[in-house]
Structures are given as structure tokens and as C-alpha cells.
Amino acid sequence: MAKYMFMASYTTHGTKGLKKDGGTGRKEQIDKMIRGLGGTLDSLYYAFGDHDVFGIVDLPDHETATAVSLTVNATGAVQVKTVVLLTPEQVDEAARKSVSYRPPGE
């Protein structure tokens, strides 16, 4: 499973839905969606600032995460941005890989 952070911002339409469903109602719906895709919802927080919601989820693959983003964004109620999260061990593995690269102009 891969881990992702979804950062969401509600539109006016989405905010009206949030007021109707409440925070826990939206969390239940999100959890149901993620479980239906074979994943798990690690955490969900509402926030002040540029984004209204932060969710950490485990999903089977990047294609599934993309499907979530496309589907949610297509509603027009929420604008979602997706961040792929890496464990420290995954960064260690990446750091051990040899990469041949020449910077521009050198």
C-alpha cells in the first residue's frame, strides 16, 4: 500500500454540504469511499488556512489515488490536491540509488 495526503478546499457548494452533513458525517463518507477502494483512512483533520481538510490514507496504488482525486474534483464541491508520502526507509532506499545526471550548462 502507498500512503497519501489529500489536502482539500471546499467551494461554496461544498461548504453548504459540510454544514448539512457535519464534520463527522463527511468523515464517515470519506472512510467508506477509501475502504471501498481497498484502503484505510489513517486520519482526517479540518483546518484553518489555505486548505480546509487534511486526510492521510493508505491506498493500493497511484492509479487508485488518482481516481479519488479525479472523482472528488469533478464534483465541483471540493478542490483536492494529492501528495505522495514516503517513509524514512523509502527515502533511505532512494538515497542509495545511483543516478547519472549532468546539471544544465556543465
N, C-alpha and C. Protein backbone atom coordinates (compact mmCIF):
# COMPACT_ATOMS: atom_id res chain seq x y z
N MET A 1 0.84 -1.18 0.00
CA MET A 1 0.00 0.00 0.00
C MET A 1 0.89 1.24 0.00
N ALA A 2 0.40 2.26 -0.64
CA ALA A 2 1.08 3.55 -0.66
C ALA A 2 0.31 4.53 0.22
N LYS A 3 1.04 5.50 0.79
CA LYS A 3 0.43 6.46 1.69
C LYS A 3 0.34 7.81 0.99
N TYR A 4 -0.80 8.48 1.16
CA TYR A 4 -1.06 9.76 0.52
C TYR A 4 -1.64 10.74 1.52
N MET A 5 -1.38 12.03 1.26
CA MET A 5 -2.06 13.09 1.98
C MET A 5 -2.94 13.82 0.98
N PHE A 6 -4.22 13.87 1.27
CA PHE A 6 -5.15 14.65 0.46
C PHE A 6 -5.40 15.97 1.18
N MET A 7 -5.21 17.06 0.47
CA MET A 7 -5.47 18.40 1.01
C MET A 7 -6.66 18.93 0.23
N ALA A 8 -7.73 19.27 0.93
CA ALA A 8 -8.96 19.66 0.26
C ALA A 8 -9.40 21.06 0.68
N SER A 9 -9.97 21.77 -0.29
CA SER A 9 -10.54 23.08 -0.04
C SER A 9 -11.97 23.06 -0.56
N TYR A 10 -12.90 23.46 0.31
CA TYR A 10 -14.31 23.45 -0.08
C TYR A 10 -14.65 24.66 -0.94
N THR A 11 -15.50 24.44 -1.94
CA THR A 11 -16.11 25.53 -2.68
C THR A 11 -17.34 25.97 -1.89
N THR A 12 -18.04 26.99 -2.35
CA THR A 12 -19.27 27.43 -1.69
C THR A 12 -20.27 26.28 -1.62
N HIS A 13 -20.40 25.55 -2.74
CA HIS A 13 -21.31 24.40 -2.78
C HIS A 13 -20.90 23.34 -1.76
N GLY A 14 -19.61 23.05 -1.69
CA GLY A 14 -19.12 22.05 -0.75
C GLY A 14 -19.30 22.47 0.69
N THR A 15 -19.12 23.75 0.96
CA THR A 15 -19.30 24.25 2.32
C THR A 15 -20.75 24.09 2.77
N LYS A 16 -21.69 24.32 1.86
CA LYS A 16 -23.10 24.09 2.20
C LYS A 16 -23.35 22.63 2.55
N GLY A 17 -22.73 21.73 1.80
CA GLY A 17 -22.86 20.30 2.09
C GLY A 17 -22.23 19.93 3.42
N LEU A 18 -21.09 20.53 3.73
CA LEU A 18 -20.44 20.27 5.01
C LEU A 18 -21.31 20.74 6.16
N LYS A 19 -21.93 21.90 6.03
CA LYS A 19 -22.83 22.39 7.08
C LYS A 19 -24.00 21.43 7.28
N LYS A 20 -24.47 20.84 6.19
CA LYS A 20 -25.61 19.91 6.27
C LYS A 20 -25.18 18.58 6.89
N ASP A 21 -24.07 18.00 6.40
CA ASP A 21 -23.63 16.67 6.84
C ASP A 21 -22.84 16.69 8.14
N GLY A 22 -22.19 17.82 8.44
CA GLY A 22 -21.31 17.91 9.60
C GLY A 22 -19.96 17.27 9.32
N GLY A 23 -19.00 17.59 10.17
CA GLY A 23 -17.65 17.04 10.01
C GLY A 23 -17.60 15.54 10.14
N THR A 24 -18.32 15.00 11.13
CA THR A 24 -18.28 13.54 11.32
C THR A 24 -19.02 12.82 10.19
N GLY A 25 -20.05 13.43 9.65
CA GLY A 25 -20.76 12.83 8.52
C GLY A 25 -19.86 12.74 7.30
N ARG A 26 -19.09 13.80 7.04
CA ARG A 26 -18.16 13.79 5.91
C ARG A 26 -17.06 12.77 6.14
N LYS A 27 -16.56 12.68 7.39
CA LYS A 27 -15.51 11.70 7.69
C LYS A 27 -16.01 10.28 7.43
N GLU A 28 -17.23 9.99 7.84
CA GLU A 28 -17.80 8.66 7.60
C GLU A 28 -17.87 8.35 6.11
N GLN A 29 -18.29 9.33 5.31
CA GLN A 29 -18.39 9.14 3.86
C GLN A 29 -17.01 8.91 3.24
N ILE A 30 -16.03 9.69 3.67
CA ILE A 30 -14.67 9.55 3.15
C ILE A 30 -14.11 8.19 3.53
N ASP A 31 -14.30 7.78 4.78
CA ASP A 31 -13.82 6.47 5.23
C ASP A 31 -14.46 5.35 4.41
N LYS A 32 -15.75 5.46 4.16
CA LYS A 32 -16.47 4.45 3.36
C LYS A 32 -15.88 4.39 1.94
N MET A 33 -15.62 5.55 1.34
CA MET A 33 -15.06 5.59 -0.01
C MET A 33 -13.69 4.93 -0.05
N ILE A 34 -12.82 5.27 0.91
CA ILE A 34 -11.46 4.74 0.93
C ILE A 34 -11.48 3.23 1.18
N ARG A 35 -12.30 2.76 2.13
CA ARG A 35 -12.40 1.31 2.39
C ARG A 35 -12.93 0.57 1.17
N GLY A 36 -13.86 1.19 0.44
CA GLY A 36 -14.40 0.58 -0.77
C GLY A 36 -13.37 0.40 -1.87
N LEU A 37 -12.28 1.15 -1.78
CA LEU A 37 -11.20 1.05 -2.76
C LEU A 37 -10.06 0.16 -2.26
N GLY A 38 -10.28 -0.48 -1.11
CA GLY A 38 -9.25 -1.37 -0.56
C GLY A 38 -8.23 -0.65 0.29
N GLY A 39 -8.54 0.57 0.73
CA GLY A 39 -7.60 1.35 1.52
C GLY A 39 -8.08 1.57 2.94
N THR A 40 -7.32 2.39 3.66
CA THR A 40 -7.68 2.75 5.02
C THR A 40 -7.47 4.26 5.22
N LEU A 41 -8.33 4.85 6.02
CA LEU A 41 -8.21 6.26 6.39
C LEU A 41 -7.44 6.31 7.69
N ASP A 42 -6.21 6.83 7.65
CA ASP A 42 -5.39 6.93 8.87
C ASP A 42 -5.88 8.06 9.76
N SER A 43 -6.10 9.23 9.16
CA SER A 43 -6.53 10.38 9.95
C SER A 43 -7.20 11.41 9.05
N LEU A 44 -8.04 12.22 9.66
CA LEU A 44 -8.72 13.29 8.94
C LEU A 44 -8.84 14.47 9.89
N TYR A 45 -8.36 15.63 9.43
CA TYR A 45 -8.43 16.84 10.24
C TYR A 45 -8.98 18.00 9.42
N TYR A 46 -9.78 18.82 10.06
CA TYR A 46 -10.23 20.08 9.48
C TYR A 46 -9.26 21.15 9.95
N ALA A 47 -9.07 22.19 9.14
CA ALA A 47 -8.06 23.19 9.46
C ALA A 47 -8.46 24.58 8.99
N PHE A 48 -7.80 25.57 9.54
CA PHE A 48 -7.88 26.94 9.04
C PHE A 48 -6.75 27.12 8.04
N GLY A 49 -6.92 28.02 7.10
CA GLY A 49 -5.82 28.33 6.18
C GLY A 49 -6.18 28.06 4.74
N ASP A 50 -5.16 27.76 3.93
CA ASP A 50 -5.36 27.53 2.51
C ASP A 50 -6.20 26.30 2.21
N HIS A 51 -6.13 25.30 3.08
CA HIS A 51 -6.88 24.06 2.89
C HIS A 51 -7.80 23.85 4.09
N ASP A 52 -8.97 23.29 3.81
CA ASP A 52 -9.97 23.07 4.85
C ASP A 52 -9.87 21.70 5.51
N VAL A 53 -9.34 20.73 4.77
CA VAL A 53 -9.28 19.35 5.25
C VAL A 53 -7.95 18.72 4.86
N PHE A 54 -7.38 17.95 5.80
CA PHE A 54 -6.19 17.15 5.53
C PHE A 54 -6.52 15.71 5.88
N GLY A 55 -6.30 14.80 4.93
CA GLY A 55 -6.55 13.38 5.18
C GLY A 55 -5.31 12.58 4.83
N ILE A 56 -4.94 11.64 5.70
CA ILE A 56 -3.84 10.72 5.44
C ILE A 56 -4.48 9.35 5.21
N VAL A 57 -4.19 8.76 4.05
CA VAL A 57 -4.81 7.49 3.68
C VAL A 57 -3.77 6.52 3.12
N ASP A 58 -4.07 5.25 3.25
CA ASP A 58 -3.33 4.19 2.56
C ASP A 58 -4.22 3.71 1.43
N LEU A 59 -3.66 3.65 0.23
CA LEU A 59 -4.38 3.15 -0.94
C LEU A 59 -3.50 2.16 -1.69
N PRO A 60 -4.11 1.26 -2.46
CA PRO A 60 -3.33 0.22 -3.13
C PRO A 60 -2.26 0.74 -4.09
N ASP A 61 -2.52 1.86 -4.78
CA ASP A 61 -1.57 2.31 -5.81
C ASP A 61 -1.88 3.74 -6.25
N HIS A 62 -0.98 4.28 -7.08
CA HIS A 62 -1.15 5.66 -7.56
C HIS A 62 -2.40 5.81 -8.42
N GLU A 63 -2.75 4.79 -9.16
CA GLU A 63 -3.95 4.88 -10.01
C GLU A 63 -5.21 5.05 -9.17
N THR A 64 -5.27 4.35 -8.04
CA THR A 64 -6.42 4.48 -7.15
C THR A 64 -6.47 5.88 -6.53
N ALA A 65 -5.32 6.40 -6.12
CA ALA A 65 -5.27 7.75 -5.58
C ALA A 65 -5.69 8.77 -6.63
N THR A 66 -5.27 8.56 -7.86
CA THR A 66 -5.67 9.46 -8.95
C THR A 66 -7.16 9.40 -9.18
N ALA A 67 -7.73 8.21 -9.12
CA ALA A 67 -9.18 8.05 -9.30
C ALA A 67 -9.94 8.81 -8.22
N VAL A 68 -9.47 8.76 -6.98
CA VAL A 68 -10.11 9.52 -5.90
C VAL A 68 -10.06 11.00 -6.22
N SER A 69 -8.88 11.50 -6.56
CA SER A 69 -8.72 12.92 -6.85
C SER A 69 -9.60 13.36 -8.02
N LEU A 70 -9.59 12.60 -9.10
CA LEU A 70 -10.40 12.95 -10.26
C LEU A 70 -11.89 12.98 -9.92
N THR A 71 -12.34 11.97 -9.21
CA THR A 71 -13.76 11.85 -8.87
C THR A 71 -14.22 12.98 -7.96
N VAL A 72 -13.43 13.26 -6.92
CA VAL A 72 -13.81 14.31 -5.97
C VAL A 72 -13.74 15.68 -6.64
N ASN A 73 -12.67 15.95 -7.39
CA ASN A 73 -12.55 17.24 -8.07
C ASN A 73 -13.67 17.46 -9.09
N ALA A 74 -14.11 16.40 -9.74
CA ALA A 74 -15.14 16.52 -10.77
C ALA A 74 -16.49 16.96 -10.21
N THR A 75 -16.70 16.78 -8.89
CA THR A 75 -17.97 17.20 -8.31
C THR A 75 -18.11 18.72 -8.24
N GLY A 76 -16.99 19.42 -8.22
CA GLY A 76 -17.04 20.86 -8.09
C GLY A 76 -17.29 21.34 -6.67
N ALA A 77 -17.48 20.42 -5.73
CA ALA A 77 -17.74 20.79 -4.34
C ALA A 77 -16.47 20.96 -3.53
N VAL A 78 -15.42 20.30 -4.00
CA VAL A 78 -14.14 20.29 -3.28
C VAL A 78 -13.02 20.32 -4.30
N GLN A 79 -11.96 21.05 -3.99
CA GLN A 79 -10.74 21.04 -4.80
C GLN A 79 -9.70 20.27 -4.00
N VAL A 80 -9.24 19.13 -4.56
CA VAL A 80 -8.31 18.25 -3.85
C VAL A 80 -6.94 18.30 -4.49
N LYS A 81 -5.93 18.33 -3.65
CA LYS A 81 -4.54 18.15 -4.08
C LYS A 81 -4.03 16.91 -3.38
N THR A 82 -3.22 16.12 -4.10
CA THR A 82 -2.73 14.85 -3.58
C THR A 82 -1.21 14.90 -3.46
N VAL A 83 -0.71 14.44 -2.31
CA VAL A 83 0.73 14.36 -2.07
C VAL A 83 1.08 12.91 -1.76
N VAL A 84 2.06 12.36 -2.47
CA VAL A 84 2.56 11.02 -2.18
C VAL A 84 3.49 11.14 -0.98
N LEU A 85 3.26 10.32 0.03
CA LEU A 85 4.09 10.34 1.23
C LEU A 85 5.05 9.16 1.23
N LEU A 86 6.27 9.39 1.72
CA LEU A 86 7.30 8.36 1.78
C LEU A 86 7.74 8.15 3.23
N THR A 87 8.05 6.92 3.56
CA THR A 87 8.58 6.61 4.89
C THR A 87 10.07 6.97 4.91
N PRO A 88 10.66 7.11 6.09
CA PRO A 88 12.10 7.34 6.16
C PRO A 88 12.89 6.20 5.48
N GLU A 89 12.39 4.99 5.60
CA GLU A 89 13.07 3.85 4.97
C GLU A 89 13.04 3.95 3.45
N GLN A 90 11.94 4.45 2.90
CA GLN A 90 11.87 4.63 1.45
C GLN A 90 12.85 5.71 0.98
N VAL A 91 13.02 6.75 1.78
CA VAL A 91 13.99 7.79 1.44
C VAL A 91 15.40 7.21 1.52
N ASP A 92 15.68 6.36 2.53
CA ASP A 92 16.99 5.70 2.61
C ASP A 92 17.27 4.90 1.36
N GLU A 93 16.27 4.14 0.91
CA GLU A 93 16.43 3.33 -0.30
C GLU A 93 16.69 4.21 -1.52
N ALA A 94 15.97 5.31 -1.62
CA ALA A 94 16.19 6.24 -2.74
C ALA A 94 17.59 6.84 -2.69
N ALA A 95 18.06 7.16 -1.50
CA ALA A 95 19.38 7.78 -1.35
C ALA A 95 20.50 6.82 -1.76
N ARG A 96 20.26 5.52 -1.66
CA ARG A 96 21.27 4.53 -2.04
C ARG A 96 21.32 4.27 -3.55
N LYS A 97 20.34 4.73 -4.29
CA LYS A 97 20.31 4.51 -5.74
C LYS A 97 21.30 5.43 -6.42
N SER A 98 22.00 4.89 -7.40
CA SER A 98 22.96 5.67 -8.17
C SER A 98 22.25 6.29 -9.37
N VAL A 99 22.40 7.61 -9.51
CA VAL A 99 21.74 8.33 -10.60
C VAL A 99 22.80 9.12 -11.35
N SER A 100 22.85 8.94 -12.66
CA SER A 100 23.77 9.70 -13.50
C SER A 100 23.03 10.95 -14.00
N TYR A 101 23.57 12.14 -13.66
CA TYR A 101 22.90 13.39 -14.01
C TYR A 101 23.95 14.48 -14.25
N ARG A 102 23.75 15.28 -15.27
CA ARG A 102 24.59 16.43 -15.56
C ARG A 102 23.73 17.67 -15.47
N PRO A 103 24.08 18.62 -14.58
CA PRO A 103 23.30 19.85 -14.48
C PRO A 103 23.38 20.65 -15.78
N PRO A 104 22.38 21.47 -16.07
CA PRO A 104 22.42 22.29 -17.27
C PRO A 104 23.66 23.18 -17.30
N GLY A 105 24.30 23.28 -18.46
CA GLY A 105 25.45 24.15 -18.64
C GLY A 105 26.77 23.62 -18.14
N GLU A 106 26.79 22.43 -17.61
CA GLU A 106 28.07 21.86 -17.12
C GLU A 106 28.55 20.75 -18.01
